[in-house]
PDB file of N, CA and C in Angstrom:
ATOM      1  N   MET A   1      -0.626-248.699-101.493  1.00  0.00           N
ATOM      2  CA  MET A   1       0.157-249.241-102.966  1.00  0.00           C
ATOM      3  C   MET A   1       1.446-250.109-102.861  1.00  0.00           C
ATOM      4  N   ALA A   2       1.425-250.940-103.889  1.00  0.00           N
ATOM      5  CA  ALA A   2       2.609-251.842-103.800  1.00  0.00           C
ATOM      6  C   ALA A   2       3.806-251.042-104.757  1.00  0.00           C
ATOM      7  N   ASP A   3       5.000-251.582-105.347  1.00  0.00           N
ATOM      8  CA  ASP A   3       5.688-250.691-105.543  1.00  0.00           C
ATOM      9  C   ASP A   3       5.750-251.922-106.741  1.00  0.00           C
ATOM     10  N   SER A   4       5.531-250.802-107.888  1.00  0.00           N
ATOM     11  CA  SER A   4       5.130-251.374-108.786  1.00  0.00           C
ATOM     12  C   SER A   4       5.859-250.533-110.201  1.00  0.00           C
ATOM     13  N   PRO A   5       6.494-251.521-111.430  1.00  0.00           N
ATOM     14  CA  PRO A   5       6.914-250.860-112.328  1.00  0.00           C
ATOM     15  C   PRO A   5       5.877-249.574-112.825  1.00  0.00           C
ATOM     16  N   ILE A   6       4.880-249.877-113.183  1.00  0.00           N
ATOM     17  CA  ILE A   6       3.435-249.028-113.748  1.00  0.00           C
ATOM     18  C   ILE A   6       3.261-247.372-112.876  1.00  0.00           C
ATOM     19  N   SER A   7       3.676-247.859-111.978  1.00  0.00           N
ATOM     20  CA  SER A   7       3.096-246.383-110.761  1.00  0.00           C
ATOM     21  C   SER A   7       4.503-246.171-109.646  1.00  0.00           C
ATOM     22  N   PRO A   8       4.577-244.405-110.036  1.00  0.00           N
ATOM     23  CA  PRO A   8       6.156-244.136-109.245  1.00  0.00           C
ATOM     24  C   PRO A   8       5.880-244.339-107.494  1.00  0.00           C
ATOM     25  N   LYS A   9       6.567-243.669-107.161  1.00  0.00           N
ATOM     26  CA  LYS A   9       6.337-244.001-106.069  1.00  0.00           C
ATOM     27  C   LYS A   9       5.895-242.530-105.454  1.00  0.00           C
ATOM     28  N   ASN A  10       6.365-241.283-105.605  1.00  0.00           N
ATOM     29  CA  ASN A  10       5.592-240.134-105.399  1.00  0.00           C
ATOM     30  C   ASN A  10       5.314-239.457-106.659  1.00  0.00           C
ATOM     31  N   LYS A  11       5.227-238.275-106.469  1.00  0.00           N
ATOM     32  CA  LYS A  11       4.287-237.416-107.308  1.00  0.00           C
ATOM     33  C   LYS A  11       5.852-236.660-108.551  1.00  0.00           C
ATOM     34  N   ASN A  12       6.667-236.027-107.613  1.00  0.00           N
ATOM     35  CA  ASN A  12       7.892-235.450-108.160  1.00  0.00           C
ATOM     36  C   ASN A  12       8.754-236.846-109.092  1.00  0.00           C
ATOM     37  N   GLU A  13       8.428-237.892-108.827  1.00  0.00           N
ATOM     38  CA  GLU A  13       9.255-238.960-109.869  1.00  0.00           C
ATOM     39  C   GLU A  13       8.231-239.257-111.340  1.00  0.00           C
ATOM     40  N   ASP A  14       6.907-239.221-110.719  1.00  0.00           N
ATOM     41  CA  ASP A  14       5.970-239.151-112.253  1.00  0.00           C
ATOM     42  C   ASP A  14       6.207-237.449-112.599  1.00  0.00           C
ATOM     43  N   ILE A  15       6.575-236.683-112.574  1.00  0.00           N
ATOM     44  CA  ILE A  15       6.873-235.295-112.957  1.00  0.00           C
ATOM     45  C   ILE A  15       8.011-235.972-114.139  1.00  0.00           C
ATOM     46  N   LEU A  16       9.117-235.966-113.014  1.00  0.00           N
ATOM     47  CA  LEU A  16      10.443-236.400-114.034  1.00  0.00           C
ATOM     48  C   LEU A  16      10.896-237.655-114.856  1.00  0.00           C
ATOM     49  N   SER A  17      10.088-238.612-114.181  1.00  0.00           N
ATOM     50  CA  SER A  17       9.870-239.731-115.612  1.00  0.00           C
ATOM     51  C   SER A  17       9.397-240.069-116.378  1.00  0.00           C
ATOM     52  N   GLY A  18       8.167-239.006-116.719  1.00  0.00           N
ATOM     53  CA  GLY A  18       6.873-239.008-118.290  1.00  0.00           C
ATOM     54  C   GLY A  18       7.890-238.994-119.337  1.00  0.00           C
ATOM     55  N   THR A  19       7.168-238.965-120.155  1.00  0.00           N
ATOM     56  CA  THR A  19       7.580-239.190-121.773  1.00  0.00           C
ATOM     57  C   THR A  19       8.035-237.210-122.207  1.00  0.00           C
ATOM     58  N   ARG A  20       8.532-237.121-122.036  1.00  0.00           N
ATOM     59  CA  ARG A  20       8.845-235.564-122.756  1.00  0.00           C
ATOM     60  C   ARG A  20       8.512-235.815-124.301  1.00  0.00           C
ATOM     61  N   LYS A  21       7.574-234.515-124.601  1.00  0.00           N
ATOM     62  CA  LYS A  21       7.050-234.224-126.140  1.00  0.00           C
ATOM     63  C   LYS A  21       8.426-232.454-125.885  1.00  0.00           C
ATOM     64  N   LEU A  22       9.047-232.863-127.563  1.00  0.00           N
ATOM     65  CA  LEU A  22      10.199-231.531-127.587  1.00  0.00           C
ATOM     66  C   LEU A  22       8.578-230.633-128.588  1.00  0.00           C
ATOM     67  N   VAL A  23       8.422-229.633-128.080  1.00  0.00           N
ATOM     68  CA  VAL A  23       7.481-228.548-128.912  1.00  0.00           C
ATOM     69  C   VAL A  23       8.560-227.855-129.955  1.00  0.00           C
ATOM     70  N   ARG A  24       8.012-227.611-130.969  1.00  0.00           N
ATOM     71  CA  ARG A  24       9.029-226.896-131.950  1.00  0.00           C
ATOM     72  C   ARG A  24       8.204-225.263-132.125  1.00  0.00           C
ATOM     73  N   PRO A  25       8.493-224.214-132.243  1.00  0.00           N
ATOM     74  CA  PRO A  25       7.326-223.370-132.819  1.00  0.00           C
ATOM     75  C   PRO A  25       7.288-223.664-134.104  1.00  0.00           C
ATOM     76  N   GLN A  26       6.562-223.247-134.769  1.00  0.00           N
ATOM     77  CA  GLN A  26       6.554-222.774-136.320  1.00  0.00           C
ATOM     78  C   GLN A  26       6.926-221.614-136.885  1.00  0.00           C
ATOM     79  N   LEU A  27       8.241-221.584-138.057  1.00  0.00           N
ATOM     80  CA  LEU A  27       8.963-220.302-137.866  1.00  0.00           C
ATOM     81  C   LEU A  27       8.274-219.607-139.062  1.00  0.00           C
ATOM     82  N   PRO A  28       8.527-218.336-139.104  1.00  0.00           N
ATOM     83  CA  PRO A  28       7.433-217.298-139.778  1.00  0.00           C
ATOM     84  C   PRO A  28       7.773-217.578-141.384  1.00  0.00           C
ATOM     85  N   PRO A  29       7.339-217.163-142.046  1.00  0.00           N
ATOM     86  CA  PRO A  29       7.669-217.429-143.472  1.00  0.00           C
ATOM     87  C   PRO A  29       8.530-216.724-144.164  1.00  0.00           C
ATOM     88  N   GLY A  30       9.627-217.202-145.133  1.00  0.00           N
ATOM     89  CA  GLY A  30      10.995-217.166-145.791  1.00  0.00           C
ATOM     90  C   GLY A  30      11.758-217.162-144.514  1.00  0.00           C
ATOM     91  N   VAL A  31      11.496-217.652-143.001  1.00  0.00           N
ATOM     92  CA  VAL A  31      12.889-218.348-142.791  1.00  0.00           C
ATOM     93  C   VAL A  31      12.910-219.944-142.982  1.00  0.00           C
ATOM     94  N   ILE A  32      14.338-219.971-143.401  1.00  0.00           N
ATOM     95  CA  ILE A  32      14.642-221.144-143.379  1.00  0.00           C
ATOM     96  C   ILE A  32      15.587-222.173-142.642  1.00  0.00           C
ATOM     97  N   ASN A  33      14.511-223.212-142.310  1.00  0.00           N
ATOM     98  CA  ASN A  33      14.972-224.512-141.172  1.00  0.00           C
ATOM     99  C   ASN A  33      16.056-225.334-141.353  1.00  0.00           C
ATOM    100  N   ARG A  34      17.618-225.188-141.028  1.00  0.00           N
ATOM    101  CA  ARG A  34      18.658-225.387-141.723  1.00  0.00           C
ATOM    102  C   ARG A  34      18.547-226.830-141.197  1.00  0.00           C
ATOM    103  N   ARG A  35      17.853-227.657-140.805  1.00  0.00           N
ATOM    104  CA  ARG A  35      17.681-229.386-140.834  1.00  0.00           C
ATOM    105  C   ARG A  35      17.307-229.519-142.383  1.00  0.00           C
ATOM    106  N   SER A  36      16.606-228.991-142.649  1.00  0.00           N
ATOM    107  CA  SER A  36      15.699-229.134-144.217  1.00  0.00           C
ATOM    108  C   SER A  36      17.040-228.717-144.986  1.00  0.00           C
ATOM    109  N   ILE A  37      17.619-227.855-144.652  1.00  0.00           N
ATOM    110  CA  ILE A  37      18.641-227.482-146.205  1.00  0.00           C
ATOM    111  C   ILE A  37      19.614-228.620-146.331  1.00  0.00           C
ATOM    112  N   ARG A  38      19.999-229.275-144.900  1.00  0.00           N
ATOM    113  CA  ARG A  38      21.089-230.591-144.952  1.00  0.00           C
ATOM    114  C   ARG A  38      20.490-231.515-145.765  1.00  0.00           C
ATOM    115  N   ARG A  39      19.310-231.848-145.453  1.00  0.00           N
ATOM    116  CA  ARG A  39      18.543-232.586-146.234  1.00  0.00           C
ATOM    117  C   ARG A  39      18.325-232.924-147.591  1.00  0.00           C
ATOM    118  N   GLU A  40      17.973-231.551-147.905  1.00  0.00           N
ATOM    119  CA  GLU A  40      18.116-231.597-149.698  1.00  0.00           C
ATOM    120  C   GLU A  40      19.129-231.518-150.520  1.00  0.00           C
ATOM    121  N   GLY A  41      20.580-231.632-149.764  1.00  0.00           N
ATOM    122  CA  GLY A  41      21.413-231.936-150.343  1.00  0.00           C
ATOM    123  C   GLY A  41      22.333-229.940-150.798  1.00  0.00           C
ATOM    124  N   SER A  42      23.644-230.843-151.341  1.00  0.00           N
ATOM    125  CA  SER A  42      24.555-229.634-151.425  1.00  0.00           C
ATOM    126  C   SER A  42      24.353-228.602-152.412  1.00  0.00           C
ATOM    127  N   VAL A  43      23.910-229.247-153.236  1.00  0.00           N
ATOM    128  CA  VAL A  43      23.719-228.071-154.522  1.00  0.00           C
ATOM    129  C   VAL A  43      22.441-226.638-154.330  1.00  0.00           C
ATOM    130  N   LEU A  44      21.175-227.524-153.314  1.00  0.00           N
ATOM    131  CA  LEU A  44      20.335-226.573-153.105  1.00  0.00           C
ATOM    132  C   LEU A  44      20.298-225.606-152.039  1.00  0.00           C
ATOM    133  N   SER A  45      21.112-226.084-151.007  1.00  0.00           N
ATOM    134  CA  SER A  45      21.800-225.580-149.541  1.00  0.00           C
ATOM    135  C   SER A  45      22.493-224.325-149.943  1.00  0.00           C
ATOM    136  N   VAL A  46      23.380-224.725-151.227  1.00  0.00           N
ATOM    137  CA  VAL A  46      24.348-223.036-151.894  1.00  0.00           C
ATOM    138  C   VAL A  46      23.393-222.181-152.076  1.00  0.00           C
ATOM    139  N   ALA A  47      22.567-222.906-153.219  1.00  0.00           N
ATOM    140  CA  ALA A  47      21.458-221.965-153.550  1.00  0.00           C
ATOM    141  C   ALA A  47      20.697-220.900-152.524  1.00  0.00           C
ATOM    142  N   VAL A  48      20.125-221.893-151.602  1.00  0.00           N
ATOM    143  CA  VAL A  48      19.577-221.307-150.684  1.00  0.00           C
ATOM    144  C   VAL A  48      20.358-220.306-150.026  1.00  0.00           C
ATOM    145  N   ALA A  49      21.665-220.453-149.505  1.00  0.00           N
ATOM    146  CA  ALA A  49      22.160-219.891-148.623  1.00  0.00           C
ATOM    147  C   ALA A  49      22.704-218.439-149.616  1.00  0.00           C
ATOM    148  N   GLN A  50      22.523-218.549-150.889  1.00  0.00           N
ATOM    149  CA  GLN A  50      23.236-217.477-151.705  1.00  0.00           C
ATOM    150  C   GLN A  50      21.816-216.672-151.813  1.00  0.00           C
ATOM    151  N   GLU A  51      20.450-216.982-151.685  1.00  0.00           N
ATOM    152  CA  GLU A  51      19.466-216.135-151.845  1.00  0.00           C
ATOM    153  C   GLU A  51      19.477-215.479-150.546  1.00  0.00           C
ATOM    154  N   ARG A  52      19.518-216.426-149.590  1.00  0.00           N
ATOM    155  CA  ARG A  52      19.627-216.039-148.312  1.00  0.00           C
ATOM    156  C   ARG A  52      20.250-214.358-147.638  1.00  0.00           C
ATOM    157  N   SER A  53      21.262-214.907-147.749  1.00  0.00           N
ATOM    158  CA  SER A  53      22.844-213.671-147.800  1.00  0.00           C
ATOM    159  C   SER A  53      22.454-212.664-149.152  1.00  0.00           C
ATOM    160  N   GLY A  54      21.767-212.852-150.193  1.00  0.00           N
ATOM    161  CA  GLY A  54      21.867-211.261-150.725  1.00  0.00           C
ATOM    162  C   GLY A  54      22.794-211.383-151.494  1.00  0.00           C
ATOM    163  N   GLU A  55      23.675-212.457-152.058  1.00  0.00           N
ATOM    164  CA  GLU A  55      24.968-212.353-152.540  1.00  0.00           C
ATOM    165  C   GLU A  55      24.695-212.498-154.094  1.00  0.00           C
ATOM    166  N   ASP A  56      25.770-211.813-155.015  1.00  0.00           N
ATOM    167  CA  ASP A  56      25.607-211.555-156.246  1.00  0.00           C
ATOM    168  C   ASP A  56      25.863-213.078-157.094  1.00  0.00           C
ATOM    169  N   ASN A  57      25.519-213.036-158.003  1.00  0.00           N
ATOM    170  CA  ASN A  57      26.170-214.152-158.859  1.00  0.00           C
ATOM    171  C   ASN A  57      27.361-214.278-159.263  1.00  0.00           C
ATOM    172  N   HIS A  58      28.133-215.037-159.533  1.00  0.00           N
ATOM    173  CA  HIS A  58      29.668-215.118-159.971  1.00  0.00           C
ATOM    174  C   HIS A  58      29.706-214.217-161.624  1.00  0.00           C
ATOM    175  N   ALA A  59      28.613-214.487-162.420  1.00  0.00           N
ATOM    176  CA  ALA A  59      28.522-214.303-163.879  1.00  0.00           C
ATOM    177  C   ALA A  59      28.723-212.532-163.463  1.00  0.00           C
ATOM    178  N   GLU A  60      27.779-211.970-163.163  1.00  0.00           N
ATOM    179  CA  GLU A  60      27.806-210.672-162.906  1.00  0.00           C
ATOM    180  C   GLU A  60      29.214-209.870-161.984  1.00  0.00           C
ATOM    181  N   ILE A  61      29.806-210.323-161.271  1.00  0.00           N
ATOM    182  CA  ILE A  61      31.114-210.234-160.420  1.00  0.00           C
ATOM    183  C   ILE A  61      32.151-209.950-161.900  1.00  0.00           C
ATOM    184  N   PHE A  62      32.237-211.410-162.372  1.00  0.00           N
ATOM    185  CA  PHE A  62      33.448-211.557-163.354  1.00  0.00           C
ATOM    186  C   PHE A  62      32.851-210.350-164.714  1.00  0.00           C
ATOM    187  N   TYR A  63      31.645-210.247-165.037  1.00  0.00           N
ATOM    188  CA  TYR A  63      31.547-209.190-165.754  1.00  0.00           C
ATOM    189  C   TYR A  63      32.251-207.891-165.536  1.00  0.00           C
ATOM    190  N   LEU A  64      31.507-207.215-164.333  1.00  0.00           N
ATOM    191  CA  LEU A  64      32.073-205.898-163.817  1.00  0.00           C
ATOM    192  C   LEU A  64      33.584-206.131-163.577  1.00  0.00           C
ATOM    193  N   GLN A  65      34.238-206.985-163.237  1.00  0.00           N
ATOM    194  CA  GLN A  65      35.773-206.787-163.445  1.00  0.00           C
ATOM    195  C   GLN A  65      36.451-206.891-164.353  1.00  0.00           C
ATOM    196  N   LYS A  66      35.799-207.351-165.667  1.00  0.00           N
ATOM    197  CA  LYS A  66      36.298-207.584-166.639  1.00  0.00           C
ATOM    198  C   LYS A  66      36.312-206.102-167.185  1.00  0.00           C
ATOM    199  N   GLN A  67      34.873-205.469-167.213  1.00  0.00           N
ATOM    200  CA  GLN A  67      34.899-204.107-167.606  1.00  0.00           C
ATOM    201  C   GLN A  67      35.324-203.198-166.844  1.00  0.00           C
ATOM    202  N   VAL A  68      35.879-203.449-165.737  1.00  0.00           N
ATOM    203  CA  VAL A  68      36.684-202.430-164.486  1.00  0.00           C
ATOM    204  C   VAL A  68      37.830-202.702-165.416  1.00  0.00           C
ATOM    205  N   GLN A  69      38.781-204.087-165.002  1.00  0.00           N
ATOM    206  CA  GLN A  69      40.286-203.825-166.278  1.00  0.00           C
ATOM    207  C   GLN A  69      40.301-203.510-167.296  1.00  0.00           C
ATOM    208  N   MET A  70      38.990-203.448-168.450  1.00  0.00           N
ATOM    209  CA  MET A  70      39.460-202.991-169.852  1.00  0.00           C
ATOM    210  C   MET A  70      39.074-201.974-169.839  1.00  0.00           C
ATOM    211  N   GLN A  71      38.395-200.892-168.803  1.00  0.00           N
ATOM    212  CA  GLN A  71      38.215-199.501-168.965  1.00  0.00           C
ATOM    213  C   GLN A  71      37.293-199.530-169.802  1.00  0.00           C
ATOM    214  N   THR A  72      36.016-200.327-169.981  1.00  0.00           N
ATOM    215  CA  THR A  72      35.125-200.160-171.269  1.00  0.00           C
ATOM    216  C   THR A  72      34.573-199.428-171.226  1.00  0.00           C
ATOM    217  N   PRO A  73      34.225-198.021-172.175  1.00  0.00           N
ATOM    218  CA  PRO A  73      33.066-197.385-172.372  1.00  0.00           C
ATOM    219  C   PRO A  73      31.617-198.000-172.122  1.00  0.00           C
ATOM    220  N   MET A  74      30.824-197.773-171.528  1.00  0.00           N
ATOM    221  CA  MET A  74      29.499-198.691-170.681  1.00  0.00           C
ATOM    222  C   MET A  74      28.165-197.349-170.948  1.00  0.00           C
ATOM    223  N   VAL A  75      27.292-197.742-171.080  1.00  0.00           N
ATOM    224  CA  VAL A  75      25.958-197.062-170.878  1.00  0.00           C
ATOM    225  C   VAL A  75      25.118-197.446-169.742  1.00  0.00           C
ATOM    226  N   VAL A  76      24.915-196.947-168.580  1.00  0.00           N
ATOM    227  CA  VAL A  76      23.901-197.419-167.723  1.00  0.00           C
ATOM    228  C   VAL A  76      22.403-197.031-167.788  1.00  0.00           C
ATOM    229  N   VAL A  77      21.564-197.411-168.289  1.00  0.00           N
ATOM    230  CA  VAL A  77      20.022-197.003-168.256  1.00  0.00           C
ATOM    231  C   VAL A  77      19.432-197.442-166.549  1.00  0.00           C
ATOM    232  N   LEU A  78      19.238-196.369-166.156  1.00  0.00           N
ATOM    233  CA  LEU A  78      18.541-196.554-165.423  1.00  0.00           C
ATOM    234  C   LEU A  78      16.589-196.768-164.995  1.00  0.00           C
ATOM    235  N   GLU A  79      16.094-196.980-163.437  1.00  0.00           N
ATOM    236  CA  GLU A  79      14.629-196.707-163.785  1.00  0.00           C
ATOM    237  C   GLU A  79      13.626-195.711-164.154  1.00  0.00           C
ATOM    238  N   ASP A  80      14.416-194.398-164.138  1.00  0.00           N
ATOM    239  CA  ASP A  80      13.368-193.781-165.033  1.00  0.00           C
ATOM    240  C   ASP A  80      13.753-192.965-166.053  1.00  0.00           C
ATOM    241  N   ASP A  81      14.827-194.230-166.815  1.00  0.00           N
ATOM    242  CA  ASP A  81      15.273-194.101-168.412  1.00  0.00           C
ATOM    243  C   ASP A  81      16.034-192.768-168.314  1.00  0.00           C
ATOM    244  N   GLU A  82      17.022-192.017-167.617  1.00  0.00           N
ATOM    245  CA  GLU A  82      18.267-191.695-167.165  1.00  0.00           C
ATOM    246  C   GLU A  82      19.361-192.408-167.804  1.00  0.00           C
ATOM    247  N   GLN A  83      20.243-192.127-168.902  1.00  0.00           N
ATOM    248  CA  GLN A  83      21.284-193.088-169.239  1.00  0.00           C
ATOM    249  C   GLN A  83      22.600-191.799-168.721  1.00  0.00           C
ATOM    250  N   ILE A  84      23.069-192.744-168.073  1.00  0.00           N
ATOM    251  CA  ILE A  84      24.927-192.200-167.761  1.00  0.00           C
ATOM    252  C   ILE A  84      25.857-193.219-167.943  1.00  0.00           C
ATOM    253  N   SER A  85      26.906-192.300-168.740  1.00  0.00           N
ATOM    254  CA  SER A  85      27.651-192.979-169.482  1.00  0.00           C
ATOM    255  C   SER A  85      29.329-192.854-169.290  1.00  0.00           C
ATOM    256  N   GLY A  86      29.897-193.809-169.372  1.00  0.00           N
ATOM    257  CA  GLY A  86      31.210-193.609-168.313  1.00  0.00           C
ATOM    258  C   GLY A  86      31.892-194.524-168.219  1.00  0.00           C
ATOM    259  N   VAL A  87      33.226-195.163-167.657  1.00  0.00           N
ATOM    260  CA  VAL A  87      33.597-196.343-167.351  1.00  0.00           C
ATOM    261  C   VAL A  87      33.488-196.459-166.024  1.00  0.00           C
ATOM    262  N   ILE A  88      33.344-197.709-165.617  1.00  0.00           N
ATOM    263  CA  ILE A  88      33.204-198.196-164.038  1.00  0.00           C
ATOM    264  C   ILE A  88      34.476-198.327-163.552  1.00  0.00           C
ATOM    265  N   ASP A  89      34.347-197.793-162.354  1.00  0.00           N
ATOM    266  CA  ASP A  89      35.891-197.171-161.802  1.00  0.00           C
ATOM    267  C   ASP A  89      36.068-198.432-160.542  1.00  0.00           C
ATOM    268  N   TRP A  90      34.919-198.318-159.526  1.00  0.00           N
ATOM    269  CA  TRP A  90      34.547-199.794-158.836  1.00  0.00           C
ATOM    270  C   TRP A  90      33.147-200.005-159.015  1.00  0.00           C
ATOM    271  N   PHE A  91      33.034-201.335-158.303  1.00  0.00           N
ATOM    272  CA  PHE A  91      31.713-201.439-157.760  1.00  0.00           C
ATOM    273  C   PHE A  91      31.795-202.263-156.771  1.00  0.00           C
ATOM    274  N   ASP A  92      30.850-202.637-155.496  1.00  0.00           N
ATOM    275  CA  ASP A  92      30.989-203.369-155.003  1.00  0.00           C
ATOM    276  C   ASP A  92      29.075-204.546-155.156  1.00  0.00           C
ATOM    277  N   ARG A  93      29.067-204.960-153.540  1.00  0.00           N
ATOM    278  CA  ARG A  93      27.881-205.952-153.605  1.00  0.00           C
ATOM    279  C   ARG A  93      26.802-204.598-154.065  1.00  0.00           C
ATOM    280  N   ASP A  94      26.652-203.773-153.399  1.00  0.00           N
ATOM    281  CA  ASP A  94      25.244-202.556-154.019  1.00  0.00           C
ATOM    282  C   ASP A  94      25.371-201.280-154.917  1.00  0.00           C
ATOM    283  N   ALA A  95      26.268-200.979-155.350  1.00  0.00           N
ATOM    284  CA  ALA A  95      26.691-199.840-156.096  1.00  0.00           C
ATOM    285  C   ALA A  95      28.204-200.158-156.929  1.00  0.00           C
ATOM    286  N   ILE A  96      27.675-199.236-157.848  1.00  0.00           N
ATOM    287  CA  ILE A  96      28.566-198.916-158.952  1.00  0.00           C
ATOM    288  C   ILE A  96      28.935-197.778-159.102  1.00  0.00           C
ATOM    289  N   TYR A  97      30.192-197.359-159.420  1.00  0.00           N
ATOM    290  CA  TYR A  97      30.904-196.142-159.409  1.00  0.00           C
ATOM    291  C   TYR A  97      31.521-196.010-161.252  1.00  0.00           C
ATOM    292  N   ILE A  98      30.744-194.418-161.262  1.00  0.00           N
ATOM    293  CA  ILE A  98      31.231-194.885-162.830  1.00  0.00           C
ATOM    294  C   ILE A  98      31.794-193.251-163.215  1.00  0.00           C
ATOM    295  N   ARG A  99      32.874-193.506-163.869  1.00  0.00           N
ATOM    296  CA  ARG A  99      33.193-192.277-163.796  1.00  0.00           C
ATOM    297  C   ARG A  99      32.888-191.709-165.485  1.00  0.00           C
ATOM    298  N   GLY A 100      32.768-190.227-165.994  1.00  0.00           N
ATOM    299  CA  GLY A 100      32.225-190.097-166.834  1.00  0.00           C
ATOM    300  C   GLY A 100      33.000-188.603-167.505  1.00  0.00           C
ATOM    301  N   ASN A 101      31.445-187.898-168.097  1.00  0.00           N
ATOM    302  CA  ASN A 101      31.489-186.644-167.954  1.00  0.00           C
ATOM    303  C   ASN A 101      31.244-185.490-166.208  1.00  0.00           C
ATOM    304  N   ARG A 102      30.478-186.877-165.565  1.00  0.00           N
ATOM    305  CA  ARG A 102      30.573-186.508-164.259  1.00  0.00           C
ATOM    306  C   ARG A 102      30.908-187.561-163.883  1.00  0.00           C
ATOM    307  N   ARG A 103      31.010-187.926-162.197  1.00  0.00           N
ATOM    308  CA  ARG A 103      31.238-188.921-161.148  1.00  0.00           C
ATOM    309  C   ARG A 103      30.163-189.502-160.317  1.00  0.00           C
ATOM    310  N   VAL A 104      29.282-190.589-160.586  1.00  0.00           N
ATOM    311  CA  VAL A 104      28.177-190.844-160.103  1.00  0.00           C
ATOM    312  C   VAL A 104      28.387-192.162-159.904  1.00  0.00           C
ATOM    313  N   MET A 105      27.903-192.551-158.395  1.00  0.00           N
ATOM    314  CA  MET A 105      27.640-193.861-157.561  1.00  0.00           C
ATOM    315  C   MET A 105      26.089-194.251-157.862  1.00  0.00           C
ATOM    316  N   VAL A 106      26.096-195.336-158.609  1.00  0.00           N
ATOM    317  CA  VAL A 106      24.715-195.870-158.607  1.00  0.00           C
ATOM    318  C   VAL A 106      24.385-197.219-157.830  1.00  0.00           C
ATOM    319  N   TYR A 107      23.274-196.771-157.247  1.00  0.00           N
ATOM    320  CA  TYR A 107      23.012-198.105-156.703  1.00  0.00           C
ATOM    321  C   TYR A 107      22.398-198.964-157.308  1.00  0.00           C
ATOM    322  N   LYS A 108      22.680-200.802-157.280  1.00  0.00           N
ATOM    323  CA  LYS A 108      22.192-201.455-158.826  1.00  0.00           C
ATOM    324  C   LYS A 108      20.992-201.793-158.408  1.00  0.00           C
ATOM    325  N   ASN A 109      20.345-201.774-157.374  1.00  0.00           N
ATOM    326  CA  ASN A 109      18.900-201.856-157.546  1.00  0.00           C
ATOM    327  C   ASN A 109      17.898-201.136-158.397  1.00  0.00           C
ATOM    328  N   ALA A 110      18.778-199.505-158.587  1.00  0.00           N
ATOM    329  CA  ALA A 110      18.270-198.371-159.242  1.00  0.00           C
ATOM    330  C   ALA A 110      18.428-198.356-161.143  1.00  0.00           C
ATOM    331  N   ILE A 111      19.126-199.959-161.271  1.00  0.00           N
ATOM    332  CA  ILE A 111      19.669-200.315-162.945  1.00  0.00           C
ATOM    333  C   ILE A 111      18.647-200.750-163.086  1.00  0.00           C
ATOM    334  N   ARG A 112      18.573-200.130-164.743  1.00  0.00           N
ATOM    335  CA  ARG A 112      17.382-201.085-165.417  1.00  0.00           C
ATOM    336  C   ARG A 112      18.411-202.123-166.365  1.00  0.00           C
ATOM    337  N   TYR A 113      19.280-201.406-167.055  1.00  0.00           N
ATOM    338  CA  TYR A 113      20.106-202.724-167.606  1.00  0.00           C
ATOM    339  C   TYR A 113      21.366-201.631-167.852  1.00  0.00           C
ATOM    340  N   MET A 114      22.395-202.126-168.892  1.00  0.00           N
ATOM    341  CA  MET A 114      23.749-201.561-168.879  1.00  0.00           C
ATOM    342  C   MET A 114      24.001-202.240-170.460  1.00  0.00           C
ATOM    343  N   TYR A 115      25.011-201.272-171.215  1.00  0.00           N
ATOM    344  CA  TYR A 115      25.554-202.104-172.576  1.00  0.00           C
ATOM    345  C   TYR A 115      26.808-201.419-172.320  1.00  0.00           C
ATOM    346  N   LYS A 116      27.547-201.522-173.546  1.00  0.00           N
ATOM    347  CA  LYS A 116      28.834-201.505-174.137  1.00  0.00           C
ATOM    348  C   LYS A 116      28.912-200.192-174.629  1.00  0.00           C
ATOM    349  N   PHE A 117      29.323-199.032-174.807  1.00  0.00           N
ATOM    350  CA  PHE A 117      29.164-197.686-175.756  1.00  0.00           C
ATOM    351  C   PHE A 117      29.447-198.051-177.212  1.00  0.00           C
ATOM    352  N   GLY A 118      28.171-197.795-177.600  1.00  0.00           N
ATOM    353  CA  GLY A 118      28.506-197.847-179.270  1.00  0.00           C
ATOM    354  C   GLY A 118      27.559-199.426-179.550  1.00  0.00           C
ATOM    355  N   GLU A 119      27.291-200.243-178.952  1.00  0.00           N
ATOM    356  CA  GLU A 119      26.395-201.147-178.785  1.00  0.00           C
ATOM    357  C   GLU A 119      24.753-201.500-178.849  1.00  0.00           C
ATOM    358  N   GLN A 120      23.854-200.442-178.936  1.00  0.00           N
ATOM    359  CA  GLN A 120      22.848-199.689-179.167  1.00  0.00           C
ATOM    360  C   GLN A 120      22.757-200.247-180.420  1.00  0.00           C
ATOM    361  N   ASP A 121      21.358-200.774-180.834  1.00  0.00           N
ATOM    362  CA  ASP A 121      20.516-201.161-181.790  1.00  0.00           C
ATOM    363  C   ASP A 121      20.107-199.557-182.481  1.00  0.00           C
TER     364      ASP A 121
END
């Protein structure tokens, strides 16, 4: 065989000079591709980032901070209809510490809703 641009000189060159195809595995459901986030815009990427990290929204944090600073008497209604009344002493991402007749730390996922003491219909 003569040297031609189409036929390589040996088999090793054939393997190394061939076109390569990049194979990307399929991501399982729920996993977010970083490239798709960048393409879709900054507003969506912020929302997706908050959803992925499980961060609370700013309105909830602001509301709880205000109640802690003002020492507002609150009533917390749990998923099993138990009511806990007292003042919110502190809170974090997952829990709220309530000081009242008894001191209780309540996980946020166990809270159905809360309201200020005296605002019940």
